[in-house]
Amino acid sequence: MKQILSLCLMIAGLITSACHSSGSGKSKEIVSLEGQTMGTELQVQYIDSLQRDFSHELDSILIEVNNSMSTYIPNSLISIFNRMDTAGTLEVDRHFYRVLLIAKKVHRESNGAFNPALYPLIRYWGFSGGSAPDHIDSSKVDSVLKICNFDLISGTMAVSGEGDTSYYVSKQDGRAQLDFGAIAKGYGVDAVHDLLKSRGIRSLMVDIGGEVRCSGRYTDGKAWRIGIEDPVKSTINSRKATRVISLFNKAIATSGNYRNFRIVNGRKMVHTINPANGYPEMNSLLSASIVTDDCTHADAYATSCMVLGLEDAGKLISDNPQMEGMLIYGIEEGKLEYWSSPGFQEITVKD
């Protein structure tokens, strides 16, 4: 689960009428679009003096992404792939292929902490539409874990003599399945962002369920401001920000375990599964916020951090010059501690 509070949406209502472009004398008009996608809320804001409405185009691209990678759509490409009960190959679209390549990259860089092939285990523990087990069966967990090997799945691309490109995904074992839930929302943000940029929009903010990407500046000289949710004080109906950052030509995603969980035999089972042992990961991390150039990578890295835990997550962030991050962890009930990379500290808005 990812939760980020977009403070810029509240700020926007206060300053839109006062925005003016430098030198042109023309008002910078804010276009705001809201809706539902990927089982969550979509909020888009962009500056366009022509007040163009791109909602139909945005709907179309998001429908494409959902029909490609949503496990909740029976006829999506990923659902068809998961129903293949023998080794084989399926032709997919560019969205599926691009996400698979990025997932493979993050899988390598995180030493396997990010693993979209965990779908059978995710369902075993009662998430993504699965039924939680009545009791914990370690032999069953070990058995399911064996088929959650991301190396069993691969992607290929082919270019025809006419220049047409085709994309394929293969599985070596019919039991292997995919779940892009920890990366697809980030990709959806990037898809909307890139479409608007291709239409000449230079200043924009895209938010899908708390995954955010911003380009340009909200007003002259001011970057977009994004709030990061407090995992203790916030509730579903009342979001509280624990930090605010200035985001300029960057994306941010936050992963956390503080809401999405199941109770099995009186034990709290969080939704982040550790690929090393097949069990829900329990560590001191409450949330991980990652800033990168695009939201697809940010989404995947944030999930990786939740699996890795405080020390290894901090190392992953520190070792990657293209990444900044903040980790929130708890030492005792109700008390929060923070670790931030130097670059993240620089973009944090001071009181």
Protein backbone atom coordinates (compact mmCIF):
# COMPACT_ATOMS: atom_id res chain seq x y z
CA MET A 1 0.00 0.00 0.00
CA LYS A 2 1.25 3.48 -0.82
CA GLN A 3 0.02 6.61 0.86
CA ILE A 4 1.23 10.12 0.07
CA LEU A 5 -0.77 13.25 0.81
CA SER A 6 -0.49 15.75 -2.05
CA LEU A 7 -0.41 19.08 -0.30
CA CYS A 8 -0.11 20.89 -3.60
CA LEU A 9 -3.78 20.12 -4.19
CA MET A 10 -4.74 22.16 -1.14
CA ILE A 11 -2.31 24.95 -1.98
CA ALA A 12 -3.63 25.13 -5.52
CA GLY A 13 -7.03 26.35 -4.46
CA LEU A 14 -5.42 29.32 -2.73
CA ILE A 15 -3.04 30.59 -5.38
CA THR A 16 -4.39 29.63 -8.80
CA SER A 17 -5.97 33.01 -9.48
CA ALA A 18 -2.71 34.76 -8.61
CA CYS A 19 -0.47 32.78 -11.00
CA HIS A 20 1.00 34.72 -13.90
CA SER A 21 3.67 33.77 -16.38
CA SER A 22 6.72 36.00 -16.36
CA GLY A 23 6.95 38.45 -19.22
CA SER A 24 3.97 37.25 -21.23
CA GLY A 25 1.24 38.91 -19.24
CA LYS A 26 -0.91 35.82 -19.75
CA SER A 27 -2.52 34.08 -16.81
CA LYS A 28 -1.26 30.63 -16.00
CA GLU A 29 -4.49 28.69 -15.77
CA ILE A 30 -4.60 25.51 -13.71
CA VAL A 31 -6.57 22.61 -15.15
CA SER A 32 -7.61 20.05 -12.53
CA LEU A 33 -8.85 16.55 -13.37
CA GLU A 34 -10.03 13.92 -10.90
CA GLY A 35 -11.26 10.37 -11.24
CA GLN A 36 -10.80 6.73 -10.32
CA THR A 37 -8.25 4.31 -11.75
CA MET A 38 -6.37 1.20 -10.62
CA GLY A 39 -8.70 0.88 -7.65
CA THR A 40 -7.75 4.28 -6.26
CA GLU A 41 -7.98 8.02 -6.87
CA LEU A 42 -6.48 9.89 -9.81
CA GLN A 43 -5.68 13.60 -9.48
CA VAL A 44 -4.01 15.61 -12.23
CA GLN A 45 -3.15 19.30 -12.34
CA TYR A 46 -1.40 21.17 -15.11
CA ILE A 47 -0.86 24.72 -16.29
CA ASP A 48 -2.34 25.43 -19.71
CA SER A 49 -3.36 28.89 -20.89
CA LEU A 50 -5.57 27.22 -23.52
CA GLN A 51 -7.48 25.31 -20.80
CA ARG A 52 -7.39 22.11 -22.84
CA ASP A 53 -9.17 19.06 -21.43
CA PHE A 54 -7.16 15.88 -21.97
CA SER A 55 -9.40 13.69 -19.82
CA HIS A 56 -10.48 11.41 -22.69
CA GLU A 57 -6.88 10.77 -23.72
CA LEU A 58 -5.87 10.13 -20.14
CA ASP A 59 -8.77 7.72 -19.71
CA SER A 60 -7.68 5.85 -22.82
CA ILE A 61 -4.06 5.40 -21.75
CA LEU A 62 -5.06 4.31 -18.24
CA ILE A 63 -7.55 1.80 -19.65
CA GLU A 64 -4.69 0.39 -21.73
CA VAL A 65 -2.47 0.09 -18.66
CA ASN A 66 -5.22 -1.57 -16.61
CA ASN A 67 -6.09 -4.00 -19.39
CA SER A 68 -2.43 -4.88 -19.56
CA MET A 69 -1.47 -5.30 -15.90
CA SER A 70 -4.48 -5.47 -13.56
CA THR A 71 -4.91 -8.86 -11.89
CA TYR A 72 -8.49 -7.79 -11.05
CA ILE A 73 -9.51 -7.72 -14.73
CA PRO A 74 -10.15 -11.32 -15.87
CA ASN A 75 -9.15 -10.69 -19.49
CA SER A 76 -6.16 -8.47 -18.84
CA LEU A 77 -2.87 -9.63 -20.32
CA ILE A 78 -1.44 -10.43 -16.90
CA SER A 79 -4.53 -12.46 -15.96
CA ILE A 80 -4.28 -14.43 -19.20
CA PHE A 81 -0.58 -15.01 -18.54
CA ASN A 82 -1.28 -16.17 -14.99
CA ARG A 83 -3.91 -18.66 -16.20
CA MET A 84 -1.42 -20.34 -18.55
CA ASP A 85 -0.89 -23.66 -16.75
CA THR A 86 2.01 -24.87 -18.88
CA ALA A 87 5.31 -23.37 -19.92
CA GLY A 88 4.81 -21.06 -22.89
CA THR A 89 4.86 -17.57 -24.39
CA LEU A 90 2.23 -14.85 -24.60
CA GLU A 91 2.29 -11.77 -26.82
CA VAL A 92 1.86 -8.67 -24.70
CA ASP A 93 1.84 -4.90 -25.23
CA ARG A 94 4.52 -2.24 -24.74
CA HIS A 95 3.26 -1.39 -21.24
CA PHE A 96 3.67 -4.94 -19.97
CA TYR A 97 7.08 -5.31 -21.59
CA ARG A 98 8.44 -2.02 -20.24
CA VAL A 99 7.30 -2.78 -16.70
CA LEU A 100 8.79 -6.28 -16.90
CA LEU A 101 12.18 -4.86 -17.93
CA ILE A 102 12.19 -2.31 -15.09
CA ALA A 103 11.05 -5.00 -12.64
CA LYS A 104 13.98 -7.18 -13.72
CA LYS A 105 16.37 -4.27 -13.20
CA VAL A 106 15.10 -3.45 -9.70
CA HIS A 107 15.04 -7.16 -8.86
CA ARG A 108 18.77 -7.35 -9.59
CA GLU A 109 19.66 -4.11 -7.83
CA SER A 110 17.70 -5.06 -4.70
CA ASN A 111 19.21 -8.57 -4.56
CA GLY A 112 15.79 -10.08 -5.13
CA ALA A 113 13.88 -8.02 -2.56
CA PHE A 114 11.62 -6.78 -5.36
CA ASN A 115 9.95 -9.81 -6.90
CA PRO A 116 6.73 -9.54 -8.98
CA ALA A 117 6.64 -13.35 -9.25
CA LEU A 118 5.32 -13.61 -5.67
CA TYR A 119 1.68 -13.61 -6.79
CA PRO A 120 0.99 -17.21 -5.63
CA LEU A 121 2.30 -16.35 -2.16
CA ILE A 122 0.48 -13.01 -2.03
CA ARG A 123 -2.78 -14.86 -2.62
CA TYR A 124 -1.84 -17.59 -0.15
CA TRP A 125 -1.54 -14.98 2.59
CA GLY A 126 -4.97 -13.54 1.72
CA PHE A 127 -4.06 -10.48 -0.38
CA SER A 128 -5.00 -9.59 -3.99
CA GLY A 129 -8.30 -11.46 -3.71
CA GLY A 130 -6.87 -14.56 -2.01
CA SER A 131 -8.29 -16.22 1.12
CA ALA A 132 -6.17 -16.02 4.24
CA PRO A 133 -5.16 -19.47 5.59
CA ASP A 134 -6.84 -20.75 8.75
CA HIS A 135 -3.42 -21.65 10.11
CA ILE A 136 0.19 -21.18 9.04
CA ASP A 137 1.52 -24.24 7.20
CA SER A 138 5.29 -23.88 6.81
CA SER A 139 5.52 -26.78 4.35
CA LYS A 140 2.86 -25.15 2.15
CA VAL A 141 4.71 -21.82 2.27
CA ASP A 142 7.95 -23.53 1.22
CA SER A 143 6.16 -25.34 -1.61
CA VAL A 144 4.57 -22.18 -3.00
CA LEU A 145 7.81 -20.23 -2.61
CA LYS A 146 9.60 -22.59 -5.01
CA ILE A 147 7.44 -21.47 -7.93
CA CYS A 148 7.89 -17.76 -7.09
CA ASN A 149 11.21 -17.59 -8.90
CA PHE A 150 11.34 -14.45 -11.09
CA ASP A 151 14.02 -16.12 -13.23
CA LEU A 152 11.29 -18.46 -14.54
CA ILE A 153 9.79 -15.48 -16.39
CA SER A 154 11.41 -13.55 -19.23
CA GLY A 155 10.53 -11.00 -21.91
CA THR A 156 11.59 -10.63 -25.52
CA MET A 157 11.06 -8.10 -28.29
CA ALA A 158 10.93 -8.70 -32.04
CA VAL A 159 10.97 -6.22 -34.95
CA SER A 160 9.44 -7.25 -38.26
CA GLY A 161 10.79 -6.39 -41.68
CA GLU A 162 8.15 -3.65 -41.89
CA GLY A 163 9.44 -2.12 -38.67
CA ASP A 164 6.57 -3.26 -36.45
CA THR A 165 7.56 -4.18 -32.90
CA SER A 166 6.08 -7.11 -31.00
CA TYR A 167 6.56 -7.97 -27.33
CA TYR A 168 6.44 -11.35 -25.62
CA VAL A 169 6.61 -12.76 -22.11
CA SER A 170 7.45 -16.39 -21.37
CA LYS A 171 7.29 -18.71 -18.38
CA GLN A 172 9.36 -21.84 -17.89
CA ASP A 173 6.90 -23.30 -15.38
CA GLY A 174 3.13 -23.12 -15.83
CA ARG A 175 2.68 -22.41 -12.11
CA ALA A 176 4.69 -19.16 -12.29
CA GLN A 177 2.53 -16.03 -12.03
CA LEU A 178 3.03 -12.27 -11.95
CA ASP A 179 1.67 -9.40 -9.88
CA PHE A 180 2.72 -5.88 -10.89
CA GLY A 181 0.77 -4.28 -8.04
CA ALA A 182 3.94 -2.79 -6.54
CA ILE A 183 4.97 -1.05 -9.75
CA ALA A 184 1.92 -0.59 -12.02
CA LYS A 185 0.57 2.55 -10.31
CA GLY A 186 3.95 4.19 -10.71
CA TYR A 187 3.93 3.26 -14.37
CA GLY A 188 0.41 4.65 -14.73
CA VAL A 189 1.62 7.96 -13.30
CA ASP A 190 4.46 8.02 -15.83
CA ALA A 191 2.11 7.15 -18.70
CA VAL A 192 -0.18 10.08 -17.85
CA HIS A 193 2.79 12.40 -17.29
CA ASP A 194 4.40 11.48 -20.63
CA LEU A 195 1.14 11.90 -22.54
CA LEU A 196 0.65 15.41 -21.16
CA LYS A 197 4.27 16.32 -21.93
CA SER A 198 3.76 15.12 -25.51
CA ARG A 199 0.85 17.57 -25.77
CA GLY A 200 3.08 20.49 -24.87
CA ILE A 201 2.30 20.69 -21.14
CA ARG A 202 5.39 21.72 -19.22
CA SER A 203 4.12 22.23 -15.65
CA LEU A 204 2.09 19.37 -14.21
CA MET A 205 1.45 17.07 -11.27
CA VAL A 206 0.06 13.53 -11.56
CA ASP A 207 -1.08 11.57 -8.50
CA ILE A 208 -2.44 8.01 -8.59
CA GLY A 209 -3.18 6.71 -5.13
CA GLY A 210 -0.31 8.64 -3.62
CA GLU A 211 2.27 7.91 -6.32
CA VAL A 212 3.27 11.33 -7.63
CA ARG A 213 5.30 12.81 -10.48
CA CYS A 214 5.82 16.51 -11.07
CA SER A 215 7.33 18.54 -13.90
CA GLY A 216 8.00 22.25 -14.10
CA ARG A 217 7.00 24.62 -11.35
CA TYR A 218 3.62 25.31 -9.88
CA THR A 219 4.17 29.07 -9.81
CA ASP A 220 7.08 31.24 -10.89
CA GLY A 221 10.09 30.00 -8.97
CA LYS A 222 8.18 27.53 -6.84
CA ALA A 223 8.32 23.76 -7.13
CA TRP A 224 5.34 21.54 -6.44
CA ARG A 225 4.98 20.70 -2.75
CA ILE A 226 4.14 17.17 -1.71
CA GLY A 227 3.33 15.97 1.79
CA ILE A 228 4.33 12.54 3.10
CA GLU A 229 1.75 10.87 5.29
CA ASP A 230 2.33 10.34 9.00
CA PRO A 231 1.90 6.55 9.53
CA VAL A 232 0.78 7.00 13.15
CA LYS A 233 -1.45 10.09 13.18
CA SER A 234 -3.14 9.47 9.83
CA THR A 235 -6.31 7.49 9.28
CA ILE A 236 -8.15 6.57 6.09
CA ASN A 237 -10.47 9.56 6.58
CA SER A 238 -7.94 11.99 8.05
CA ARG A 239 -4.51 12.30 6.47
CA LYS A 240 -1.73 14.07 8.36
CA ALA A 241 1.59 15.03 6.80
CA THR A 242 4.79 14.31 8.67
CA ARG A 243 7.12 15.94 6.11
CA VAL A 244 6.69 18.22 3.09
CA ILE A 245 9.08 18.20 0.13
CA SER A 246 9.60 20.38 -2.94
CA LEU A 247 9.43 18.25 -6.07
CA PHE A 248 10.88 19.57 -9.32
CA ASN A 249 11.06 17.27 -12.37
CA LYS A 250 10.99 14.24 -10.09
CA ALA A 251 8.67 11.50 -8.85
CA ILE A 252 7.99 10.10 -5.39
CA ALA A 253 6.41 6.88 -4.17
CA THR A 254 5.83 5.69 -0.63
CA SER A 255 5.30 2.13 0.53
CA GLY A 256 4.01 1.22 3.97
CA ASN A 257 2.55 -1.66 5.95
CA TYR A 258 0.54 0.25 8.50
CA ARG A 259 -2.91 -0.32 6.94
CA ASN A 260 -2.90 -3.29 4.56
CA PHE A 261 -2.66 -6.43 6.69
CA ARG A 262 -4.47 -9.64 7.69
CA ILE A 263 -4.86 -11.34 11.06
CA VAL A 264 -3.91 -15.05 11.02
CA ASN A 265 -3.97 -17.03 14.27
CA GLY A 266 -3.98 -13.76 16.17
CA ARG A 267 -0.86 -12.53 14.35
CA LYS A 268 -0.75 -9.40 12.20
CA MET A 269 0.35 -10.34 8.66
CA VAL A 270 1.44 -7.37 6.55
CA HIS A 271 1.08 -7.33 2.77
CA THR A 272 4.81 -7.07 1.98
CA ILE A 273 6.07 -10.61 1.41
CA ASN A 274 9.76 -11.41 1.85
CA PRO A 275 10.95 -13.37 -1.22
CA ALA A 276 13.74 -14.94 0.85
CA ASN A 277 11.43 -16.97 3.09
CA GLY A 278 7.88 -16.54 1.76
CA TYR A 279 6.53 -14.92 4.92
CA PRO A 280 5.13 -11.43 5.48
CA GLU A 281 8.08 -9.20 6.33
CA MET A 282 8.14 -7.88 9.86
CA ASN A 283 10.71 -5.21 10.65
CA SER A 284 10.84 -1.77 12.23
CA LEU A 285 10.12 0.10 8.98
CA LEU A 286 6.70 1.75 8.82
CA SER A 287 7.17 3.45 5.46
CA ALA A 288 9.75 4.13 2.77
CA SER A 289 9.55 7.19 0.50
CA ILE A 290 11.68 7.15 -2.64
CA VAL A 291 12.41 10.02 -5.04
CA THR A 292 13.70 9.21 -8.53
CA ASP A 293 13.38 10.61 -12.06
CA ASP A 294 10.28 8.52 -12.83
CA CYS A 295 7.53 6.99 -10.75
CA THR A 296 7.86 3.42 -12.06
CA HIS A 297 11.30 3.06 -10.49
CA ALA A 298 10.27 4.95 -7.34
CA ASP A 299 7.32 2.60 -6.82
CA ALA A 300 9.44 -0.55 -7.16
CA TYR A 301 12.31 0.75 -5.01
CA ALA A 302 9.92 1.78 -2.22
CA THR A 303 8.57 -1.77 -2.00
CA SER A 304 12.13 -3.14 -2.06
CA CYS A 305 13.00 -1.01 0.95
CA MET A 306 10.09 -2.37 2.97
CA VAL A 307 11.40 -5.90 2.37
CA LEU A 308 15.04 -5.04 3.05
CA GLY A 309 14.52 -3.35 6.40
CA LEU A 310 16.11 -0.22 7.81
CA GLU A 311 19.84 -0.91 7.41
CA ASP A 312 19.79 -2.53 3.97
CA ALA A 313 17.20 -0.09 2.65
CA GLY A 314 19.40 2.81 3.72
CA LYS A 315 22.32 1.19 1.91
CA LEU A 316 20.26 0.67 -1.26
CA ILE A 317 19.35 4.36 -1.27
CA SER A 318 22.85 5.58 -0.42
CA ASP A 319 24.50 3.40 -3.09
CA ASN A 320 22.24 4.67 -5.89
CA PRO A 321 23.13 8.21 -7.03
CA GLN A 322 19.82 8.45 -8.93
CA MET A 323 17.77 7.87 -5.79
CA GLU A 324 16.92 9.80 -2.64
CA GLY A 325 14.78 8.56 0.18
CA MET A 326 13.31 8.80 3.65
CA LEU A 327 12.64 5.85 5.96
CA ILE A 328 10.22 6.08 8.88
CA TYR A 329 10.60 3.43 11.56
CA GLY A 330 9.36 2.79 15.05
CA ILE A 331 11.45 1.98 18.09
CA GLU A 332 8.49 1.80 20.44
CA GLU A 333 4.72 2.04 20.13
CA GLY A 334 3.67 5.43 18.76
CA LYS A 335 7.20 6.84 18.54
CA LEU A 336 8.64 7.57 15.10
CA GLU A 337 12.25 7.85 14.02
CA TYR A 338 13.45 9.16 10.66
CA TRP A 339 16.38 8.42 8.36
CA SER A 340 16.84 10.59 5.26
CA SER A 341 19.48 10.67 2.55
CA PRO A 342 21.32 14.00 2.16
CA GLY A 343 19.51 14.76 -1.10
CA PHE A 344 16.13 14.12 0.50
CA GLN A 345 17.02 16.47 3.34
CA GLU A 346 17.79 19.18 0.78
CA ILE A 347 14.30 19.04 -0.75
CA THR A 348 12.49 18.83 2.61
CA VAL A 349 10.64 22.06 3.35
CA LYS A 350 11.80 23.56 6.61
CA ASP A 351 9.26 25.04 9.01
